[in-house]
Full PDB file with SEQRES, HELIX, SHEET, SSBOND, CRYST1, ORIGX, SCALE, CONECT and MASTER records, all heavy atoms in Angstrom:
SEQRES   1 A   28  LEU GLY TYR LYS GLY PHE HIS ILE THR GLN PHE GLN GLY          
SEQRES   2 A   28  ILE LEU ALA PRO ALA GLY THR ASP ALA ALA ILE VAL ARG          
SEQRES   3 A   28  THR LEU                                                      
HELIX    1 AA1 ALA A   22  THR A   27  1                                   6    
CRYST1    1.000    1.000    1.000  90.00  90.00  90.00 P 1           1          
ORIGX1      1.000000  0.000000  0.000000        0.00000                         
ORIGX2      0.000000  1.000000  0.000000        0.00000                         
ORIGX3      0.000000  0.000000  1.000000        0.00000                         
SCALE1      1.000000  0.000000  0.000000        0.00000                         
SCALE2      0.000000  1.000000  0.000000        0.00000                         
SCALE3      0.000000  0.000000  1.000000        0.00000                         
ATOM      1  N   LEU A   1      69.885  24.381 -51.153  1.00  0.00           N  
ATOM      2  CA  LEU A   1      71.345  24.818 -51.194  1.00  0.00           C  
ATOM      3  C   LEU A   1      72.274  23.711 -51.624  1.00  0.00           C  
ATOM      4  O   LEU A   1      73.492  23.785 -51.442  1.00  0.00           O  
ATOM      5  CB  LEU A   1      71.779  25.377 -49.819  1.00  0.00           C  
ATOM      6  CG  LEU A   1      71.015  26.641 -49.314  1.00  0.00           C  
ATOM      7  CD1 LEU A   1      71.464  27.073 -48.021  1.00  0.00           C  
ATOM      8  CD2 LEU A   1      71.237  27.808 -50.339  1.00  0.00           C  
ATOM      9  N   GLY A   2      71.641  22.512 -52.056  1.00  0.00           N  
ATOM     10  CA  GLY A   2      72.433  21.473 -52.483  1.00  0.00           C  
ATOM     11  C   GLY A   2      72.666  20.281 -51.614  1.00  0.00           C  
ATOM     12  O   GLY A   2      73.354  19.251 -52.053  1.00  0.00           O  
ATOM     13  N   TYR A   3      72.019  20.252 -50.469  1.00  0.00           N  
ATOM     14  CA  TYR A   3      72.196  19.215 -49.506  1.00  0.00           C  
ATOM     15  C   TYR A   3      70.973  18.313 -49.606  1.00  0.00           C  
ATOM     16  O   TYR A   3      70.004  18.429 -48.871  1.00  0.00           O  
ATOM     17  CB  TYR A   3      72.306  19.716 -48.060  1.00  0.00           C  
ATOM     18  CG  TYR A   3      73.651  20.422 -47.907  1.00  0.00           C  
ATOM     19  CD1 TYR A   3      73.837  21.757 -48.299  1.00  0.00           C  
ATOM     20  CD2 TYR A   3      74.871  19.762 -47.474  1.00  0.00           C  
ATOM     21  CE1 TYR A   3      75.034  22.419 -48.093  1.00  0.00           C  
ATOM     22  CE2 TYR A   3      76.072  20.478 -47.398  1.00  0.00           C  
ATOM     23  CZ  TYR A   3      76.153  21.780 -47.713  1.00  0.00           C  
ATOM     24  OH  TYR A   3      77.342  22.391 -47.634  1.00  0.00           O  
ATOM     25  N   LYS A   4      71.052  17.429 -50.588  1.00  0.00           N  
ATOM     26  CA  LYS A   4      69.904  16.589 -51.017  1.00  0.00           C  
ATOM     27  C   LYS A   4      69.450  15.641 -49.819  1.00  0.00           C  
ATOM     28  O   LYS A   4      70.316  15.039 -49.292  1.00  0.00           O  
ATOM     29  CB  LYS A   4      70.108  15.873 -52.344  1.00  0.00           C  
ATOM     30  CG  LYS A   4      70.492  16.725 -53.513  1.00  0.00           C  
ATOM     31  CD  LYS A   4      69.320  17.671 -53.789  1.00  0.00           C  
ATOM     32  CE  LYS A   4      69.569  18.537 -54.994  1.00  0.00           C  
ATOM     33  NZ  LYS A   4      68.467  19.523 -55.263  1.00  0.00           N  
ATOM     34  N   GLY A   5      68.194  15.370 -49.665  1.00  0.00           N  
ATOM     35  CA  GLY A   5      67.666  14.548 -48.717  1.00  0.00           C  
ATOM     36  C   GLY A   5      67.808  14.966 -47.296  1.00  0.00           C  
ATOM     37  O   GLY A   5      67.509  14.214 -46.370  1.00  0.00           O  
ATOM     38  N   PHE A   6      68.232  16.217 -47.014  1.00  0.00           N  
ATOM     39  CA  PHE A   6      68.308  16.762 -45.667  1.00  0.00           C  
ATOM     40  C   PHE A   6      66.951  17.284 -45.222  1.00  0.00           C  
ATOM     41  O   PHE A   6      66.515  18.433 -45.477  1.00  0.00           O  
ATOM     42  CB  PHE A   6      69.331  17.883 -45.573  1.00  0.00           C  
ATOM     43  CG  PHE A   6      69.744  18.211 -44.226  1.00  0.00           C  
ATOM     44  CD1 PHE A   6      70.985  17.902 -43.753  1.00  0.00           C  
ATOM     45  CD2 PHE A   6      68.832  18.917 -43.298  1.00  0.00           C  
ATOM     46  CE1 PHE A   6      71.320  18.206 -42.454  1.00  0.00           C  
ATOM     47  CE2 PHE A   6      69.209  19.104 -42.136  1.00  0.00           C  
ATOM     48  CZ  PHE A   6      70.431  18.866 -41.590  1.00  0.00           C  
ATOM     49  N   HIS A   7      66.146  16.323 -44.762  1.00  0.00           N  
ATOM     50  CA  HIS A   7      64.735  16.732 -44.219  1.00  0.00           C  
ATOM     51  C   HIS A   7      64.583  16.300 -42.813  1.00  0.00           C  
ATOM     52  O   HIS A   7      64.512  15.074 -42.491  1.00  0.00           O  
ATOM     53  CB  HIS A   7      63.628  15.969 -45.048  1.00  0.00           C  
ATOM     54  CG  HIS A   7      63.690  16.326 -46.541  1.00  0.00           C  
ATOM     55  ND1 HIS A   7      63.129  15.566 -47.473  1.00  0.00           N  
ATOM     56  CD2 HIS A   7      64.281  17.389 -47.153  1.00  0.00           C  
ATOM     57  CE1 HIS A   7      63.307  16.049 -48.741  1.00  0.00           C  
ATOM     58  NE2 HIS A   7      63.973  17.222 -48.531  1.00  0.00           N  
ATOM     59  N   ILE A   8      64.667  17.254 -41.910  1.00  0.00           N  
ATOM     60  CA  ILE A   8      64.461  17.032 -40.458  1.00  0.00           C  
ATOM     61  C   ILE A   8      63.515  17.916 -39.894  1.00  0.00           C  
ATOM     62  O   ILE A   8      63.771  19.188 -39.876  1.00  0.00           O  
ATOM     63  CB  ILE A   8      65.824  16.998 -39.633  1.00  0.00           C  
ATOM     64  CG1 ILE A   8      66.743  15.934 -40.163  1.00  0.00           C  
ATOM     65  CG2 ILE A   8      65.521  16.775 -38.205  1.00  0.00           C  
ATOM     66  CD1 ILE A   8      68.015  15.818 -39.455  1.00  0.00           C  
ATOM     67  N   THR A   9      62.285  17.476 -39.478  1.00  0.00           N  
ATOM     68  CA  THR A   9      61.313  18.341 -38.813  1.00  0.00           C  
ATOM     69  C   THR A   9      60.976  17.633 -37.492  1.00  0.00           C  
ATOM     70  O   THR A   9      61.252  16.409 -37.215  1.00  0.00           O  
ATOM     71  CB  THR A   9      60.085  18.476 -39.660  1.00  0.00           C  
ATOM     72  OG1 THR A   9      59.568  17.236 -39.948  1.00  0.00           O  
ATOM     73  CG2 THR A   9      60.421  19.211 -40.937  1.00  0.00           C  
ATOM     74  N   GLN A  10      60.398  18.422 -36.642  1.00  0.00           N  
ATOM     75  CA  GLN A  10      59.903  17.838 -35.370  1.00  0.00           C  
ATOM     76  C   GLN A  10      58.310  18.029 -35.404  1.00  0.00           C  
ATOM     77  O   GLN A  10      57.718  18.801 -36.031  1.00  0.00           O  
ATOM     78  CB  GLN A  10      60.431  18.648 -34.216  1.00  0.00           C  
ATOM     79  CG  GLN A  10      61.962  18.492 -34.095  1.00  0.00           C  
ATOM     80  CD  GLN A  10      62.392  17.202 -33.647  1.00  0.00           C  
ATOM     81  OE1 GLN A  10      62.285  16.889 -32.503  1.00  0.00           O  
ATOM     82  NE2 GLN A  10      62.931  16.325 -34.575  1.00  0.00           N  
ATOM     83  N   PHE A  11      57.631  17.124 -34.498  1.00  0.00           N  
ATOM     84  CA  PHE A  11      56.280  17.166 -34.512  1.00  0.00           C  
ATOM     85  C   PHE A  11      55.736  17.188 -33.127  1.00  0.00           C  
ATOM     86  O   PHE A  11      56.511  16.858 -32.131  1.00  0.00           O  
ATOM     87  CB  PHE A  11      55.610  15.970 -35.232  1.00  0.00           C  
ATOM     88  CG  PHE A  11      56.027  14.588 -34.688  1.00  0.00           C  
ATOM     89  CD1 PHE A  11      55.415  14.187 -33.491  1.00  0.00           C  
ATOM     90  CD2 PHE A  11      56.944  13.864 -35.299  1.00  0.00           C  
ATOM     91  CE1 PHE A  11      55.832  12.930 -32.869  1.00  0.00           C  
ATOM     92  CE2 PHE A  11      57.333  12.619 -34.742  1.00  0.00           C  
ATOM     93  CZ  PHE A  11      56.766  12.144 -33.492  1.00  0.00           C  
ATOM     94  N   GLN A  12      54.556  17.556 -32.864  1.00  0.00           N  
ATOM     95  CA  GLN A  12      53.804  17.540 -31.646  1.00  0.00           C  
ATOM     96  C   GLN A  12      52.469  16.781 -31.869  1.00  0.00           C  
ATOM     97  O   GLN A  12      51.935  16.953 -32.933  1.00  0.00           O  
ATOM     98  CB  GLN A  12      53.511  18.864 -31.032  1.00  0.00           C  
ATOM     99  CG  GLN A  12      54.769  19.658 -30.668  1.00  0.00           C  
ATOM    100  CD  GLN A  12      54.476  21.108 -30.289  1.00  0.00           C  
ATOM    101  OE1 GLN A  12      53.505  21.732 -30.750  1.00  0.00           O  
ATOM    102  NE2 GLN A  12      55.222  21.673 -29.327  1.00  0.00           N  
ATOM    103  N   GLY A  13      52.012  16.045 -30.963  1.00  0.00           N  
ATOM    104  CA  GLY A  13      50.811  15.281 -31.110  1.00  0.00           C  
ATOM    105  C   GLY A  13      50.168  14.767 -29.882  1.00  0.00           C  
ATOM    106  O   GLY A  13      50.776  14.775 -28.757  1.00  0.00           O  
ATOM    107  N   ILE A  14      48.924  14.187 -29.982  1.00  0.00           N  
ATOM    108  CA  ILE A  14      48.205  13.659 -28.898  1.00  0.00           C  
ATOM    109  C   ILE A  14      48.241  12.207 -29.060  1.00  0.00           C  
ATOM    110  O   ILE A  14      47.955  11.606 -30.093  1.00  0.00           O  
ATOM    111  CB  ILE A  14      46.846  14.106 -28.827  1.00  0.00           C  
ATOM    112  CG1 ILE A  14      46.766  15.668 -28.721  1.00  0.00           C  
ATOM    113  CG2 ILE A  14      46.043  13.503 -27.755  1.00  0.00           C  
ATOM    114  CD1 ILE A  14      47.252  16.145 -27.412  1.00  0.00           C  
ATOM    115  N   LEU A  15      48.498  11.417 -27.978  1.00  0.00           N  
ATOM    116  CA  LEU A  15      48.515   9.923 -27.835  1.00  0.00           C  
ATOM    117  C   LEU A  15      47.772   9.504 -26.703  1.00  0.00           C  
ATOM    118  O   LEU A  15      47.547  10.226 -25.781  1.00  0.00           O  
ATOM    119  CB  LEU A  15      49.892   9.284 -28.019  1.00  0.00           C  
ATOM    120  CG  LEU A  15      50.795   9.711 -29.125  1.00  0.00           C  
ATOM    121  CD1 LEU A  15      51.692  10.876 -28.624  1.00  0.00           C  
ATOM    122  CD2 LEU A  15      51.531   8.556 -29.667  1.00  0.00           C  
ATOM    123  N   ALA A  16      47.344   8.176 -26.729  1.00  0.00           N  
ATOM    124  CA  ALA A  16      46.719   7.644 -25.533  1.00  0.00           C  
ATOM    125  C   ALA A  16      47.356   6.308 -25.254  1.00  0.00           C  
ATOM    126  O   ALA A  16      48.002   5.775 -26.065  1.00  0.00           O  
ATOM    127  CB  ALA A  16      45.128   7.463 -25.862  1.00  0.00           C  
ATOM    128  N   PRO A  17      47.128   5.726 -24.127  1.00  0.00           N  
ATOM    129  CA  PRO A  17      47.659   4.395 -23.786  1.00  0.00           C  
ATOM    130  C   PRO A  17      47.107   3.367 -24.725  1.00  0.00           C  
ATOM    131  O   PRO A  17      45.937   3.348 -25.183  1.00  0.00           O  
ATOM    132  CB  PRO A  17      47.155   4.107 -22.419  1.00  0.00           C  
ATOM    133  CG  PRO A  17      46.823   5.422 -21.767  1.00  0.00           C  
ATOM    134  CD  PRO A  17      46.346   6.279 -22.865  1.00  0.00           C  
ATOM    135  N   ALA A  18      47.906   2.385 -25.248  1.00  0.00           N  
ATOM    136  CA  ALA A  18      47.483   1.313 -26.013  1.00  0.00           C  
ATOM    137  C   ALA A  18      46.229   0.588 -25.372  1.00  0.00           C  
ATOM    138  O   ALA A  18      46.241   0.344 -24.262  1.00  0.00           O  
ATOM    139  CB  ALA A  18      48.636   0.374 -26.259  1.00  0.00           C  
ATOM    140  N   GLY A  19      45.333   0.231 -26.229  1.00  0.00           N  
ATOM    141  CA  GLY A  19      44.126  -0.455 -25.815  1.00  0.00           C  
ATOM    142  C   GLY A  19      42.918   0.420 -25.541  1.00  0.00           C  
ATOM    143  O   GLY A  19      41.777   0.074 -25.230  1.00  0.00           O  
ATOM    144  N   THR A  20      43.145   1.831 -25.726  1.00  0.00           N  
ATOM    145  CA  THR A  20      42.129   2.743 -25.581  1.00  0.00           C  
ATOM    146  C   THR A  20      41.034   2.448 -26.613  1.00  0.00           C  
ATOM    147  O   THR A  20      41.348   2.217 -27.801  1.00  0.00           O  
ATOM    148  CB  THR A  20      42.588   4.198 -25.753  1.00  0.00           C  
ATOM    149  OG1 THR A  20      43.554   4.424 -24.760  1.00  0.00           O  
ATOM    150  CG2 THR A  20      41.525   5.246 -25.629  1.00  0.00           C  
ATOM    151  N   ASP A  21      39.824   2.627 -26.427  1.00  0.00           N  
ATOM    152  CA  ASP A  21      38.672   2.298 -27.269  1.00  0.00           C  
ATOM    153  C   ASP A  21      38.724   3.047 -28.540  1.00  0.00           C  
ATOM    154  O   ASP A  21      39.053   4.315 -28.502  1.00  0.00           O  
ATOM    155  CB  ASP A  21      37.277   2.554 -26.627  1.00  0.00           C  
ATOM    156  CG  ASP A  21      36.188   1.906 -27.361  1.00  0.00           C  
ATOM    157  OD1 ASP A  21      35.660   2.635 -28.310  1.00  0.00           O  
ATOM    158  OD2 ASP A  21      35.761   0.843 -27.086  1.00  0.00           O  
ATOM    159  N   ALA A  22      38.631   2.415 -29.683  1.00  0.00           N  
ATOM    160  CA  ALA A  22      38.731   3.074 -30.942  1.00  0.00           C  
ATOM    161  C   ALA A  22      37.680   4.144 -31.062  1.00  0.00           C  
ATOM    162  O   ALA A  22      37.906   5.225 -31.820  1.00  0.00           O  
ATOM    163  CB  ALA A  22      38.513   2.033 -32.154  1.00  0.00           C  
ATOM    164  N   ALA A  23      36.531   4.084 -30.569  1.00  0.00           N  
ATOM    165  CA  ALA A  23      35.532   5.147 -30.619  1.00  0.00           C  
ATOM    166  C   ALA A  23      35.917   6.293 -29.810  1.00  0.00           C  
ATOM    167  O   ALA A  23      35.681   7.471 -30.209  1.00  0.00           O  
ATOM    168  CB  ALA A  23      34.160   4.565 -30.019  1.00  0.00           C  
ATOM    169  N   ILE A  24      36.641   6.152 -28.742  1.00  0.00           N  
ATOM    170  CA  ILE A  24      37.247   7.351 -27.981  1.00  0.00           C  
ATOM    171  C   ILE A  24      38.291   8.015 -28.868  1.00  0.00           C  
ATOM    172  O   ILE A  24      38.407   9.214 -28.973  1.00  0.00           O  
ATOM    173  CB  ILE A  24      37.781   6.840 -26.592  1.00  0.00           C  
ATOM    174  CG1 ILE A  24      36.607   6.550 -25.686  1.00  0.00           C  
ATOM    175  CG2 ILE A  24      38.538   7.940 -25.912  1.00  0.00           C  
ATOM    176  CD1 ILE A  24      36.936   5.896 -24.348  1.00  0.00           C  
ATOM    177  N   VAL A  25      39.155   7.195 -29.449  1.00  0.00           N  
ATOM    178  CA  VAL A  25      40.179   7.764 -30.299  1.00  0.00           C  
ATOM    179  C   VAL A  25      39.556   8.638 -31.407  1.00  0.00           C  
ATOM    180  O   VAL A  25      40.032   9.789 -31.703  1.00  0.00           O  
ATOM    181  CB  VAL A  25      41.095   6.718 -30.856  1.00  0.00           C  
ATOM    182  CG1 VAL A  25      42.104   7.265 -31.894  1.00  0.00           C  
ATOM    183  CG2 VAL A  25      41.953   6.015 -29.746  1.00  0.00           C  
ATOM    184  N   ARG A  26      38.500   8.088 -32.004  1.00  0.00           N  
ATOM    185  CA  ARG A  26      37.810   8.857 -33.066  1.00  0.00           C  
ATOM    186  C   ARG A  26      37.206  10.143 -32.567  1.00  0.00           C  
ATOM    187  O   ARG A  26      37.304  11.198 -33.281  1.00  0.00           O  
ATOM    188  CB  ARG A  26      36.770   7.969 -33.757  1.00  0.00           C  
ATOM    189  CG  ARG A  26      37.235   6.855 -34.713  1.00  0.00           C  
ATOM    190  CD  ARG A  26      36.232   6.307 -35.564  1.00  0.00           C  
ATOM    191  NE  ARG A  26      35.132   5.678 -34.765  1.00  0.00           N  
ATOM    192  CZ  ARG A  26      35.132   4.394 -34.386  1.00  0.00           C  
ATOM    193  NH1 ARG A  26      36.215   3.650 -34.604  1.00  0.00           N  
ATOM    194  NH2 ARG A  26      34.163   3.995 -33.627  1.00  0.00           N  
ATOM    195  N   THR A  27      36.560  10.131 -31.471  1.00  0.00           N  
ATOM    196  CA  THR A  27      35.988  11.290 -30.837  1.00  0.00           C  
ATOM    197  C   THR A  27      37.020  12.332 -30.649  1.00  0.00           C  
ATOM    198  O   THR A  27      36.838  13.625 -30.908  1.00  0.00           O  
ATOM    199  CB  THR A  27      35.293  10.907 -29.492  1.00  0.00           C  
ATOM    200  OG1 THR A  27      34.132  10.017 -29.738  1.00  0.00           O  
ATOM    201  CG2 THR A  27      34.776  12.167 -28.826  1.00  0.00           C  
ATOM    202  N   LEU A  28      38.142  11.962 -30.063  1.00  0.00           N  
ATOM    203  CA  LEU A  28      39.264  12.917 -29.849  1.00  0.00           C  
ATOM    204  C   LEU A  28      39.846  13.494 -31.174  1.00  0.00           C  
ATOM    205  O   LEU A  28      40.097  14.623 -31.257  1.00  0.00           O  
ATOM    206  CB  LEU A  28      40.392  12.243 -28.990  1.00  0.00           C  
ATOM    207  CG  LEU A  28      40.008  11.966 -27.484  1.00  0.00           C  
ATOM    208  CD1 LEU A  28      41.055  11.013 -26.917  1.00  0.00           C  
ATOM    209  CD2 LEU A  28      39.999  13.253 -26.730  1.00  0.00           C  
TER     210      LEU A  28                                                      
MASTER        0    0    0    1    0    0    0    6  209    1    0    3          
END                                                                             
């Protein structure tokens, strides 16, 4: 409609505490 650059979406996701083993993150 002519409002260039108007891109706003929301997301949902899964996170873990920093320091979580990379292998566990890959499994999840």
